[in-house]
Amino acid sequence: MRKRAAIMLATLLGMLLAGCGGQEPPGRNDRQLTLAAPRDLVAGPADPYYTHQTLRVWEPLVTVDDQLRPVPALATGWDSADRGRRWTFTLRDGVRFSDGTPLTAESVVA
């Protein structure tokens, strides 16, 4: 009886382990990285950052570096006036939306 149970257990274990290896799924590219970024990183649709930057859906005017210091993104520079109540951003040249429309000050405001 014990011998039969051991054989059944070994067979079951072998079947389970057989599915743990093998070839890669067809069409898989080892140079491709899939990044999952949850949309709940912020408060929701009312939040301007609802679509997170890691999704590469949008790019901000200014982002932060490894030390959390502001660095240029779509803006190449910026100045403040009126004690920080008014900001002027210089936009990076040659930026276009996916439909080919150029990035303008009007589109940033919108």
PDB file of N, CA and C in Angstrom:
ATOM      1  N   MET A   1       0.816  -1.190   0.000  1.00  0.00           N
ATOM      2  CA  MET A   1       0.000   0.000   0.000  1.00  0.00           C
ATOM      3  C   MET A   1       0.870   1.269   0.000  1.00  0.00           C
ATOM      4  N   ARG A   2       1.910   1.282   0.822  1.00  0.00           N
ATOM      5  CA  ARG A   2       2.795   2.452   0.867  1.00  0.00           C
ATOM      6  C   ARG A   2       3.536   2.637  -0.456  1.00  0.00           C
ATOM      7  N   LYS A   3       3.910   1.523  -1.068  1.00  0.00           N
ATOM      8  CA  LYS A   3       4.625   1.597  -2.334  1.00  0.00           C
ATOM      9  C   LYS A   3       3.714   2.209  -3.409  1.00  0.00           C
ATOM     10  N   ARG A   4       2.469   1.812  -3.431  1.00  0.00           N
ATOM     11  CA  ARG A   4       1.513   2.345  -4.396  1.00  0.00           C
ATOM     12  C   ARG A   4       1.291   3.838  -4.157  1.00  0.00           C
ATOM     13  N   ALA A   5       1.159   4.262  -2.900  1.00  0.00           N
ATOM     14  CA  ALA A   5       0.972   5.681  -2.558  1.00  0.00           C
ATOM     15  C   ALA A   5       2.195   6.494  -2.965  1.00  0.00           C
ATOM     16  N   ALA A   6       3.394   5.931  -2.754  1.00  0.00           N
ATOM     17  CA  ALA A   6       4.629   6.632  -3.122  1.00  0.00           C
ATOM     18  C   ALA A   6       4.714   6.796  -4.637  1.00  0.00           C
ATOM     19  N   ILE A   7       4.313   5.755  -5.386  1.00  0.00           N
ATOM     20  CA  ILE A   7       4.344   5.832  -6.850  1.00  0.00           C
ATOM     21  C   ILE A   7       3.349   6.876  -7.337  1.00  0.00           C
ATOM     22  N   MET A   8       2.150   6.884  -6.752  1.00  0.00           N
ATOM     23  CA  MET A   8       1.141   7.872  -7.152  1.00  0.00           C
ATOM     24  C   MET A   8       1.605   9.290  -6.831  1.00  0.00           C
ATOM     25  N   LEU A   9       2.217   9.461  -5.662  1.00  0.00           N
ATOM     26  CA  LEU A   9       2.713  10.776  -5.267  1.00  0.00           C
ATOM     27  C   LEU A   9       3.831  11.228  -6.207  1.00  0.00           C
ATOM     28  N   ALA A  10       4.752  10.323  -6.545  1.00  0.00           N
ATOM     29  CA  ALA A  10       5.849  10.662  -7.451  1.00  0.00           C
ATOM     30  C   ALA A  10       5.313  11.016  -8.837  1.00  0.00           C
ATOM     31  N   THR A  11       4.297  10.269  -9.290  1.00  0.00           N
ATOM     32  CA  THR A  11       3.701  10.549 -10.590  1.00  0.00           C
ATOM     33  C   THR A  11       3.039  11.918 -10.605  1.00  0.00           C
ATOM     34  N   LEU A  12       2.268  12.198  -9.547  1.00  0.00           N
ATOM     35  CA  LEU A  12       1.600  13.498  -9.440  1.00  0.00           C
ATOM     36  C   LEU A  12       2.613  14.637  -9.385  1.00  0.00           C
ATOM     37  N   LEU A  13       3.670  14.453  -8.586  1.00  0.00           N
ATOM     38  CA  LEU A  13       4.715  15.476  -8.488  1.00  0.00           C
ATOM     39  C   LEU A  13       5.401  15.680  -9.836  1.00  0.00           C
ATOM     40  N   GLY A  14       5.664  14.598 -10.554  1.00  0.00           N
ATOM     41  CA  GLY A  14       6.278  14.697 -11.876  1.00  0.00           C
ATOM     42  C   GLY A  14       5.402  15.450 -12.851  1.00  0.00           C
ATOM     43  N   MET A  15       4.101  15.214 -12.798  1.00  0.00           N
ATOM     44  CA  MET A  15       3.175  15.918 -13.683  1.00  0.00           C
ATOM     45  C   MET A  15       3.145  17.404 -13.364  1.00  0.00           C
ATOM     46  N   LEU A  16       3.157  17.725 -12.078  1.00  0.00           N
ATOM     47  CA  LEU A  16       3.148  19.140 -11.691  1.00  0.00           C
ATOM     48  C   LEU A  16       4.423  19.847 -12.127  1.00  0.00           C
ATOM     49  N   LEU A  17       5.557  19.197 -11.929  1.00  0.00           N
ATOM     50  CA  LEU A  17       6.836  19.815 -12.282  1.00  0.00           C
ATOM     51  C   LEU A  17       7.040  19.909 -13.789  1.00  0.00           C
ATOM     52  N   ALA A  18       6.390  19.048 -14.551  1.00  0.00           N
ATOM     53  CA  ALA A  18       6.535  19.076 -16.012  1.00  0.00           C
ATOM     54  C   ALA A  18       6.026  20.392 -16.593  1.00  0.00           C
ATOM     55  N   GLY A  19       5.067  21.009 -15.950  1.00  0.00           N
ATOM     56  CA  GLY A  19       4.531  22.269 -16.438  1.00  0.00           C
ATOM     57  C   GLY A  19       5.333  23.483 -16.012  1.00  0.00           C
ATOM     58  N   CYS A  20       6.396  23.293 -15.245  1.00  0.00           N
ATOM     59  CA  CYS A  20       7.167  24.427 -14.720  1.00  0.00           C
ATOM     60  C   CYS A  20       8.318  24.856 -15.613  1.00  0.00           C
ATOM     61  N   GLY A  21       8.574  24.181 -16.681  1.00  0.00           N
ATOM     62  CA  GLY A  21       9.708  24.558 -17.517  1.00  0.00           C
ATOM     63  C   GLY A  21       9.331  24.468 -18.969  1.00  0.00           C
ATOM     64  N   GLY A  22      10.316  24.290 -19.792  1.00  0.00           N
ATOM     65  CA  GLY A  22      10.028  24.103 -21.207  1.00  0.00           C
ATOM     66  C   GLY A  22      10.346  25.333 -22.016  1.00  0.00           C
ATOM     67  N   GLN A  23       9.793  25.347 -23.203  1.00  0.00           N
ATOM     68  CA  GLN A  23      10.078  26.417 -24.145  1.00  0.00           C
ATOM     69  C   GLN A  23       9.262  27.660 -23.817  1.00  0.00           C
ATOM     70  N   GLU A  24       9.761  28.775 -24.332  1.00  0.00           N
ATOM     71  CA  GLU A  24       9.052  30.044 -24.189  1.00  0.00           C
ATOM     72  C   GLU A  24       7.797  30.013 -25.051  1.00  0.00           C
ATOM     73  N   PRO A  25       6.785  30.760 -24.691  1.00  0.00           N
ATOM     74  CA  PRO A  25       5.589  30.830 -25.534  1.00  0.00           C
ATOM     75  C   PRO A  25       5.934  31.370 -26.916  1.00  0.00           C
ATOM     76  N   PRO A  26       5.227  30.912 -27.965  1.00  0.00           N
ATOM     77  CA  PRO A  26       5.522  31.392 -29.311  1.00  0.00           C
ATOM     78  C   PRO A  26       5.354  32.902 -29.417  1.00  0.00           C
ATOM     79  N   GLY A  27       6.270  33.539 -30.150  1.00  0.00           N
ATOM     80  CA  GLY A  27       6.181  34.970 -30.379  1.00  0.00           C
ATOM     81  C   GLY A  27       6.751  35.822 -29.260  1.00  0.00           C
ATOM     82  N   ARG A  28       7.276  35.203 -28.226  1.00  0.00           N
ATOM     83  CA  ARG A  28       7.824  35.996 -27.127  1.00  0.00           C
ATOM     84  C   ARG A  28       9.158  36.595 -27.539  1.00  0.00           C
ATOM     85  N   ASN A  29       9.351  37.854 -27.194  1.00  0.00           N
ATOM     86  CA  ASN A  29      10.566  38.580 -27.537  1.00  0.00           C
ATOM     87  C   ASN A  29      11.335  38.832 -26.254  1.00  0.00           C
ATOM     88  N   ASP A  30      12.550  38.272 -26.138  1.00  0.00           N
ATOM     89  CA  ASP A  30      13.342  38.438 -24.922  1.00  0.00           C
ATOM     90  C   ASP A  30      13.813  39.865 -24.716  1.00  0.00           C
ATOM     91  N   ARG A  31      13.731  40.703 -25.737  1.00  0.00           N
ATOM     92  CA  ARG A  31      14.154  42.093 -25.616  1.00  0.00           C
ATOM     93  C   ARG A  31      12.990  43.019 -25.287  1.00  0.00           C
ATOM     94  N   GLN A  32      11.821  42.464 -25.109  1.00  0.00           N
ATOM     95  CA  GLN A  32      10.631  43.268 -24.837  1.00  0.00           C
ATOM     96  C   GLN A  32      10.357  43.286 -23.338  1.00  0.00           C
ATOM     97  N   LEU A  33      10.108  44.454 -22.819  1.00  0.00           N
ATOM     98  CA  LEU A  33       9.768  44.619 -21.416  1.00  0.00           C
ATOM     99  C   LEU A  33       8.339  45.122 -21.327  1.00  0.00           C
ATOM    100  N   THR A  34       7.537  44.421 -20.572  1.00  0.00           N
ATOM    101  CA  THR A  34       6.163  44.850 -20.362  1.00  0.00           C
ATOM    102  C   THR A  34       6.077  45.473 -18.985  1.00  0.00           C
ATOM    103  N   LEU A  35       5.630  46.696 -18.925  1.00  0.00           N
ATOM    104  CA  LEU A  35       5.525  47.423 -17.670  1.00  0.00           C
ATOM    105  C   LEU A  35       4.062  47.606 -17.321  1.00  0.00           C
ATOM    106  N   ALA A  36       3.703  47.144 -16.158  1.00  0.00           N
ATOM    107  CA  ALA A  36       2.327  47.317 -15.688  1.00  0.00           C
ATOM    108  C   ALA A  36       2.322  48.459 -14.688  1.00  0.00           C
ATOM    109  N   ALA A  37       1.504  49.441 -14.925  1.00  0.00           N
ATOM    110  CA  ALA A  37       1.384  50.581 -14.026  1.00  0.00           C
ATOM    111  C   ALA A  37      -0.074  50.734 -13.636  1.00  0.00           C
ATOM    112  N   PRO A  38      -0.391  50.517 -12.389  1.00  0.00           N
ATOM    113  CA  PRO A  38      -1.794  50.624 -11.988  1.00  0.00           C
ATOM    114  C   PRO A  38      -2.302  52.051 -12.111  1.00  0.00           C
ATOM    115  N   ARG A  39      -3.554  52.178 -12.500  1.00  0.00           N
ATOM    116  CA  ARG A  39      -4.148  53.504 -12.648  1.00  0.00           C
ATOM    117  C   ARG A  39      -4.567  54.067 -11.302  1.00  0.00           C
ATOM    118  N   ASP A  40      -4.437  53.308 -10.235  1.00  0.00           N
ATOM    119  CA  ASP A  40      -4.840  53.807  -8.927  1.00  0.00           C
ATOM    120  C   ASP A  40      -3.662  54.406  -8.152  1.00  0.00           C
ATOM    121  N   LEU A  41      -2.631  54.850  -8.877  1.00  0.00           N
ATOM    122  CA  LEU A  41      -1.499  55.497  -8.221  1.00  0.00           C
ATOM    123  C   LEU A  41      -1.898  56.854  -7.653  1.00  0.00           C
ATOM    124  N   VAL A  42      -3.010  57.371  -8.109  1.00  0.00           N
ATOM    125  CA  VAL A  42      -3.491  58.672  -7.669  1.00  0.00           C
ATOM    126  C   VAL A  42      -4.977  58.591  -7.370  1.00  0.00           C
ATOM    127  N   ALA A  43      -5.583  59.712  -7.110  1.00  0.00           N
ATOM    128  CA  ALA A  43      -6.958  59.764  -6.615  1.00  0.00           C
ATOM    129  C   ALA A  43      -8.035  59.368  -7.617  1.00  0.00           C
ATOM    130  N   GLY A  44      -7.778  59.350  -8.888  1.00  0.00           N
ATOM    131  CA  GLY A  44      -8.796  58.959  -9.853  1.00  0.00           C
ATOM    132  C   GLY A  44      -8.946  59.957 -10.979  1.00  0.00           C
ATOM    133  N   PRO A  45      -9.988  59.826 -11.791  1.00  0.00           N
ATOM    134  CA  PRO A  45     -10.145  60.644 -12.997  1.00  0.00           C
ATOM    135  C   PRO A  45     -10.140  62.146 -12.758  1.00  0.00           C
ATOM    136  N   ALA A  46     -10.514  62.607 -11.580  1.00  0.00           N
ATOM    137  CA  ALA A  46     -10.504  64.041 -11.311  1.00  0.00           C
ATOM    138  C   ALA A  46      -9.090  64.569 -11.085  1.00  0.00           C
ATOM    139  N   ASP A  47      -8.145  63.674 -10.849  1.00  0.00           N
ATOM    140  CA  ASP A  47      -6.753  64.046 -10.593  1.00  0.00           C
ATOM    141  C   ASP A  47      -6.027  64.239 -11.926  1.00  0.00           C
ATOM    142  N   PRO A  48      -5.257  65.330 -12.088  1.00  0.00           N
ATOM    143  CA  PRO A  48      -4.575  65.561 -13.371  1.00  0.00           C
ATOM    144  C   PRO A  48      -3.521  64.511 -13.690  1.00  0.00           C
ATOM    145  N   TYR A  49      -3.099  63.716 -12.720  1.00  0.00           N
ATOM    146  CA  TYR A  49      -2.090  62.688 -12.945  1.00  0.00           C
ATOM    147  C   TYR A  49      -2.708  61.296 -13.011  1.00  0.00           C
ATOM    148  N   TYR A  50      -4.000  61.197 -13.320  1.00  0.00           N
ATOM    149  CA  TYR A  50      -4.701  59.918 -13.338  1.00  0.00           C
ATOM    150  C   TYR A  50      -4.040  58.921 -14.287  1.00  0.00           C
ATOM    151  N   THR A  51      -3.673  59.350 -15.471  1.00  0.00           N
ATOM    152  CA  THR A  51      -2.915  58.507 -16.379  1.00  0.00           C
ATOM    153  C   THR A  51      -1.457  58.707 -16.028  1.00  0.00           C
ATOM    154  N   HIS A  52      -0.858  57.725 -15.406  1.00  0.00           N
ATOM    155  CA  HIS A  52       0.486  57.863 -14.849  1.00  0.00           C
ATOM    156  C   HIS A  52       1.555  57.940 -15.943  1.00  0.00           C
ATOM    157  N   GLN A  53       2.607  58.654 -15.663  1.00  0.00           N
ATOM    158  CA  GLN A  53       3.694  58.877 -16.608  1.00  0.00           C
ATOM    159  C   GLN A  53       4.311  57.572 -17.084  1.00  0.00           C
ATOM    160  N   THR A  54       4.357  56.540 -16.236  1.00  0.00           N
ATOM    161  CA  THR A  54       4.987  55.292 -16.648  1.00  0.00           C
ATOM    162  C   THR A  54       4.233  54.605 -17.772  1.00  0.00           C
ATOM    163  N   LEU A  55       2.995  54.987 -18.009  1.00  0.00           N
ATOM    164  CA  LEU A  55       2.242  54.414 -19.119  1.00  0.00           C
ATOM    165  C   LEU A  55       2.659  55.024 -20.448  1.00  0.00           C
ATOM    166  N   ARG A  56       3.438  56.081 -20.429  1.00  0.00           N
ATOM    167  CA  ARG A  56       3.905  56.781 -21.624  1.00  0.00           C
ATOM    168  C   ARG A  56       2.742  57.294 -22.464  1.00  0.00           C
ATOM    169  N   VAL A  57       1.647  57.619 -21.799  1.00  0.00           N
ATOM    170  CA  VAL A  57       0.498  58.191 -22.483  1.00  0.00           C
ATOM    171  C   VAL A  57       0.686  59.694 -22.577  1.00  0.00           C
ATOM    172  N   TRP A  58       1.349  60.259 -21.612  1.00  0.00           N
ATOM    173  CA  TRP A  58       1.593  61.689 -21.617  1.00  0.00           C
ATOM    174  C   TRP A  58       2.963  61.941 -21.006  1.00  0.00           C
ATOM    175  N   GLU A  59       3.461  63.121 -21.229  1.00  0.00           N
ATOM    176  CA  GLU A  59       4.729  63.536 -20.646  1.00  0.00           C
ATOM    177  C   GLU A  59       4.512  64.899 -20.009  1.00  0.00           C
ATOM    178  N   PRO A  60       4.985  65.114 -18.794  1.00  0.00           N
ATOM    179  CA  PRO A  60       4.760  66.395 -18.124  1.00  0.00           C
ATOM    180  C   PRO A  60       5.716  67.470 -18.629  1.00  0.00           C
ATOM    181  N   LEU A  61       5.430  68.703 -18.274  1.00  0.00           N
ATOM    182  CA  LEU A  61       6.353  69.789 -18.598  1.00  0.00           C
ATOM    183  C   LEU A  61       7.647  69.633 -17.812  1.00  0.00           C
ATOM    184  N   VAL A  62       7.512  69.254 -16.558  1.00  0.00           N
ATOM    185  CA  VAL A  62       8.650  69.098 -15.653  1.00  0.00           C
ATOM    186  C   VAL A  62       8.476  67.770 -14.928  1.00  0.00           C
ATOM    187  N   THR A  63       9.565  67.053 -14.746  1.00  0.00           N
ATOM    188  CA  THR A  63       9.528  65.812 -13.976  1.00  0.00           C
ATOM    189  C   THR A  63      10.565  65.911 -12.861  1.00  0.00           C
ATOM    190  N   VAL A  64      10.877  64.822 -12.205  1.00  0.00           N
ATOM    191  CA  VAL A  64      11.859  64.844 -11.124  1.00  0.00           C
ATOM    192  C   VAL A  64      12.942  63.815 -11.403  1.00  0.00           C
ATOM    193  N   ASP A  65      14.146  64.092 -10.884  1.00  0.00           N
ATOM    194  CA  ASP A  65      15.252  63.154 -11.042  1.00  0.00           C
ATOM    195  C   ASP A  65      15.297  62.194  -9.852  1.00  0.00           C
ATOM    196  N   ASP A  66      16.381  61.434  -9.728  1.00  0.00           N
ATOM    197  CA  ASP A  66      16.518  60.452  -8.651  1.00  0.00           C
ATOM    198  C   ASP A  66      16.518  61.079  -7.262  1.00  0.00           C
ATOM    199  N   GLN A  67      16.869  62.357  -7.199  1.00  0.00           N
ATOM    200  CA  GLN A  67      16.901  63.066  -5.924  1.00  0.00           C
ATOM    201  C   GLN A  67      15.641  63.899  -5.701  1.00  0.00           C
ATOM    202  N   LEU A  68      14.627  63.676  -6.557  1.00  0.00           N
ATOM    203  CA  LEU A  68      13.346  64.393  -6.511  1.00  0.00           C
ATOM    204  C   LEU A  68      13.486  65.897  -6.759  1.00  0.00           C
ATOM    205  N   ARG A  69      14.500  66.257  -7.554  1.00  0.00           N
ATOM    206  CA  ARG A  69      14.680  67.652  -7.966  1.00  0.00           C
ATOM    207  C   ARG A  69      13.997  67.850  -9.306  1.00  0.00           C
ATOM    208  N   PRO A  70      13.359  68.998  -9.540  1.00  0.00           N
ATOM    209  CA  PRO A  70      12.705  69.229 -10.830  1.00  0.00           C
ATOM    210  C   PRO A  70      13.713  69.273 -11.972  1.00  0.00           C
ATOM    211  N   VAL A  71      13.366  68.575 -13.061  1.00  0.00           N
ATOM    212  CA  VAL A  71      14.202  68.565 -14.262  1.00  0.00           C
ATOM    213  C   VAL A  71      13.293  68.717 -15.482  1.00  0.00           C
ATOM    214  N   PRO A  72      13.822  69.225 -16.597  1.00  0.00           N
ATOM    215  CA  PRO A  72      13.012  69.447 -17.796  1.00  0.00           C
ATOM    216  C   PRO A  72      12.441  68.149 -18.364  1.00  0.00           C
ATOM    217  N   ALA A  73      11.273  68.264 -18.939  1.00  0.00           N
ATOM    218  CA  ALA A  73      10.665  67.171 -19.698  1.00  0.00           C
ATOM    219  C   ALA A  73      10.200  67.795 -21.014  1.00  0.00           C
ATOM    220  N   LEU A  74       8.928  68.180 -21.129  1.00  0.00           N
ATOM    221  CA  LEU A  74       8.482  68.903 -22.320  1.00  0.00           C
ATOM    222  C   LEU A  74       8.922  70.360 -22.284  1.00  0.00           C
ATOM    223  N   ALA A  75       9.154  70.873 -21.093  1.00  0.00           N
ATOM    224  CA  ALA A  75       9.667  72.242 -20.958  1.00  0.00           C
ATOM    225  C   ALA A  75      11.183  72.177 -20.856  1.00  0.00           C
ATOM    226  N   THR A  76      11.861  73.049 -21.582  1.00  0.00           N
ATOM    227  CA  THR A  76      13.319  73.094 -21.493  1.00  0.00           C
ATOM    228  C   THR A  76      13.769  74.033 -20.386  1.00  0.00           C
ATOM    229  N   GLY A  77      12.857  74.868 -19.917  1.00  0.00           N
ATOM    230  CA  GLY A  77      13.163  75.799 -18.841  1.00  0.00           C
ATOM    231  C   GLY A  77      11.898  76.469 -18.354  1.00  0.00           C
ATOM    232  N   TRP A  78      11.997  77.143 -17.220  1.00  0.00           N
ATOM    233  CA  TRP A  78      10.833  77.821 -16.648  1.00  0.00           C
ATOM    234  C   TRP A  78      11.279  78.931 -15.716  1.00  0.00           C
ATOM    235  N   ASP A  79      10.422  79.926 -15.595  1.00  0.00           N
ATOM    236  CA  ASP A  79      10.663  81.068 -14.708  1.00  0.00           C
ATOM    237  C   ASP A  79       9.369  81.364 -13.973  1.00  0.00           C
ATOM    238  N   SER A  80       9.527  81.874 -12.750  1.00  0.00           N
ATOM    239  CA  SER A  80       8.338  82.276 -12.004  1.00  0.00           C
ATOM    240  C   SER A  80       8.333  83.785 -11.836  1.00  0.00           C
ATOM    241  N   ALA A  81       7.141  84.338 -11.660  1.00  0.00           N
ATOM    242  CA  ALA A  81       6.960  85.767 -11.448  1.00  0.00           C
ATOM    243  C   ALA A  81       5.833  85.953 -10.449  1.00  0.00           C
ATOM    244  N   ASP A  82       5.676  87.165 -10.012  1.00  0.00           N
ATOM    245  CA  ASP A  82       4.581  87.506  -9.110  1.00  0.00           C
ATOM    246  C   ASP A  82       4.598  86.607  -7.873  1.00  0.00           C
ATOM    247  N   ARG A  83       5.786  86.470  -7.297  1.00  0.00           N
ATOM    248  CA  ARG A  83       6.005  85.657  -6.087  1.00  0.00           C
ATOM    249  C   ARG A  83       5.510  84.215  -6.240  1.00  0.00           C
ATOM    250  N   GLY A  84       5.789  83.648  -7.410  1.00  0.00           N
ATOM    251  CA  GLY A  84       5.441  82.254  -7.657  1.00  0.00           C
ATOM    252  C   GLY A  84       4.010  82.004  -8.088  1.00  0.00           C
ATOM    253  N   ARG A  85       3.258  83.066  -8.333  1.00  0.00           N
ATOM    254  CA  ARG A  85       1.864  82.892  -8.758  1.00  0.00           C
ATOM    255  C   ARG A  85       1.702  82.799 -10.266  1.00  0.00           C
ATOM    256  N   ARG A  86       2.771  83.120 -11.002  1.00  0.00           N
ATOM    257  CA  ARG A  86       2.726  83.051 -12.455  1.00  0.00           C
ATOM    258  C   ARG A  86       4.000  82.371 -12.939  1.00  0.00           C
ATOM    259  N   TRP A  87       3.833  81.435 -13.838  1.00  0.00           N
ATOM    260  CA  TRP A  87       4.971  80.673 -14.355  1.00  0.00           C
ATOM    261  C   TRP A  87       5.014  80.760 -15.868  1.00  0.00           C
ATOM    262  N   THR A  88       6.220  80.848 -16.421  1.00  0.00           N
ATOM    263  CA  THR A  88       6.433  80.831 -17.864  1.00  0.00           C
ATOM    264  C   THR A  88       7.329  79.642 -18.186  1.00  0.00           C
ATOM    265  N   PHE A  89       6.837  78.766 -19.075  1.00  0.00           N
ATOM    266  CA  PHE A  89       7.587  77.579 -19.466  1.00  0.00           C
ATOM    267  C   PHE A  89       8.032  77.726 -20.912  1.00  0.00           C
ATOM    268  N   THR A  90       9.268  77.368 -21.199  1.00  0.00           N
ATOM    269  CA  THR A  90       9.778  77.318 -22.567  1.00  0.00           C
ATOM    270  C   THR A  90       9.628  75.881 -23.029  1.00  0.00           C
ATOM    271  N   LEU A  91       8.862  75.683 -24.112  1.00  0.00           N
ATOM    272  CA  LEU A  91       8.571  74.340 -24.592  1.00  0.00           C
ATOM    273  C   LEU A  91       9.683  73.804 -25.479  1.00  0.00           C
ATOM    274  N   ARG A  92       9.893  72.512 -25.393  1.00  0.00           N
ATOM    275  CA  ARG A  92      10.873  71.821 -26.224  1.00  0.00           C
ATOM    276  C   ARG A  92      10.422  71.881 -27.685  1.00  0.00           C
ATOM    277  N   ASP A  93      11.347  72.171 -28.591  1.00  0.00           N
ATOM    278  CA  ASP A  93      11.049  72.255 -30.029  1.00  0.00           C
ATOM    279  C   ASP A  93      10.821  70.871 -30.623  1.00  0.00           C
ATOM    280  N   GLY A  94       9.967  70.830 -31.651  1.00  0.00           N
ATOM    281  CA  GLY A  94       9.785  69.614 -32.432  1.00  0.00           C
ATOM    282  C   GLY A  94       8.902  68.548 -31.812  1.00  0.00           C
ATOM    283  N   VAL A  95       8.221  68.849 -30.709  1.00  0.00           N
ATOM    284  CA  VAL A  95       7.354  67.861 -30.069  1.00  0.00           C
ATOM    285  C   VAL A  95       6.024  67.814 -30.793  1.00  0.00           C
ATOM    286  N   ARG A  96       5.572  66.598 -31.093  1.00  0.00           N
ATOM    287  CA  ARG A  96       4.290  66.413 -31.781  1.00  0.00           C
ATOM    288  C   ARG A  96       3.482  65.347 -31.055  1.00  0.00           C
ATOM    289  N   PHE A  97       2.166  65.501 -31.109  1.00  0.00           N
ATOM    290  CA  PHE A  97       1.268  64.483 -30.585  1.00  0.00           C
ATOM    291  C   PHE A  97       1.284  63.289 -31.532  1.00  0.00           C
ATOM    292  N   SER A  98       0.699  62.179 -31.113  1.00  0.00           N
ATOM    293  CA  SER A  98       0.705  60.968 -31.936  1.00  0.00           C
ATOM    294  C   SER A  98      -0.001  61.168 -33.275  1.00  0.00           C
ATOM    295  N   ASP A  99      -0.886  62.154 -33.362  1.00  0.00           N
ATOM    296  CA  ASP A  99      -1.568  62.426 -34.644  1.00  0.00           C
ATOM    297  C   ASP A  99      -0.797  63.418 -35.512  1.00  0.00           C
ATOM    298  N   GLY A 100       0.386  63.854 -35.058  1.00  0.00           N
ATOM    299  CA  GLY A 100       1.214  64.773 -35.833  1.00  0.00           C
ATOM    300  C   GLY A 100       1.030  66.238 -35.501  1.00  0.00           C
ATOM    301  N   THR A 101       0.031  66.554 -34.683  1.00  0.00           N
ATOM    302  CA  THR A 101      -0.223  67.935 -34.291  1.00  0.00           C
ATOM    303  C   THR A 101       0.924  68.438 -33.415  1.00  0.00           C
ATOM    304  N   PRO A 102       1.473  69.624 -33.696  1.00  0.00           N
ATOM    305  CA  PRO A 102       2.578  70.128 -32.884  1.00  0.00           C
ATOM    306  C   PRO A 102       2.123  70.552 -31.485  1.00  0.00           C
ATOM    307  N   LEU A 103       3.006  70.400 -30.520  1.00  0.00           N
ATOM    308  CA  LEU A 103       2.750  70.869 -29.161  1.00  0.00           C
ATOM    309  C   LEU A 103       2.884  72.382 -29.142  1.00  0.00           C
ATOM    310  N   THR A 104       1.861  73.063 -28.642  1.00  0.00           N
ATOM    311  CA  THR A 104       1.860  74.521 -28.564  1.00  0.00           C
ATOM    312  C   THR A 104       1.483  74.937 -27.133  1.00  0.00           C
ATOM    313  N   ALA A 105       1.665  76.208 -26.857  1.00  0.00           N
ATOM    314  CA  ALA A 105       1.263  76.734 -25.541  1.00  0.00           C
ATOM    315  C   ALA A 105      -0.224  76.519 -25.331  1.00  0.00           C
ATOM    316  N   GLU A 106      -1.018  76.667 -26.379  1.00  0.00           N
ATOM    317  CA  GLU A 106      -2.467  76.478 -26.276  1.00  0.00           C
ATOM    318  C   GLU A 106      -2.819  75.049 -25.893  1.00  0.00           C
ATOM    319  N   SER A 107      -2.102  74.069 -26.475  1.00  0.00           N
ATOM    320  CA  SER A 107      -2.400  72.676 -26.134  1.00  0.00           C
ATOM    321  C   SER A 107      -1.978  72.346 -24.706  1.00  0.00           C
ATOM    322  N   VAL A 108      -0.917  72.988 -24.222  1.00  0.00           N
ATOM    323  CA  VAL A 108      -0.498  72.778 -22.826  1.00  0.00           C
ATOM    324  C   VAL A 108      -1.549  73.335 -21.879  1.00  0.00           C
ATOM    325  N   VAL A 109      -2.056  74.523 -22.170  1.00  0.00           N
ATOM    326  CA  VAL A 109      -3.085  75.131 -21.321  1.00  0.00           C
ATOM    327  C   VAL A 109      -4.352  74.283 -21.327  1.00  0.00           C
ATOM    328  N   ALA A 110      -4.716  73.768 -22.509  1.00  0.00           N
ATOM    329  CA  ALA A 110      -5.920  72.944 -22.620  1.00  0.00           C
ATOM    330  C   ALA A 110      -5.762  71.677 -21.812  1.00  0.00           C
TER     331      ALA A 110
END
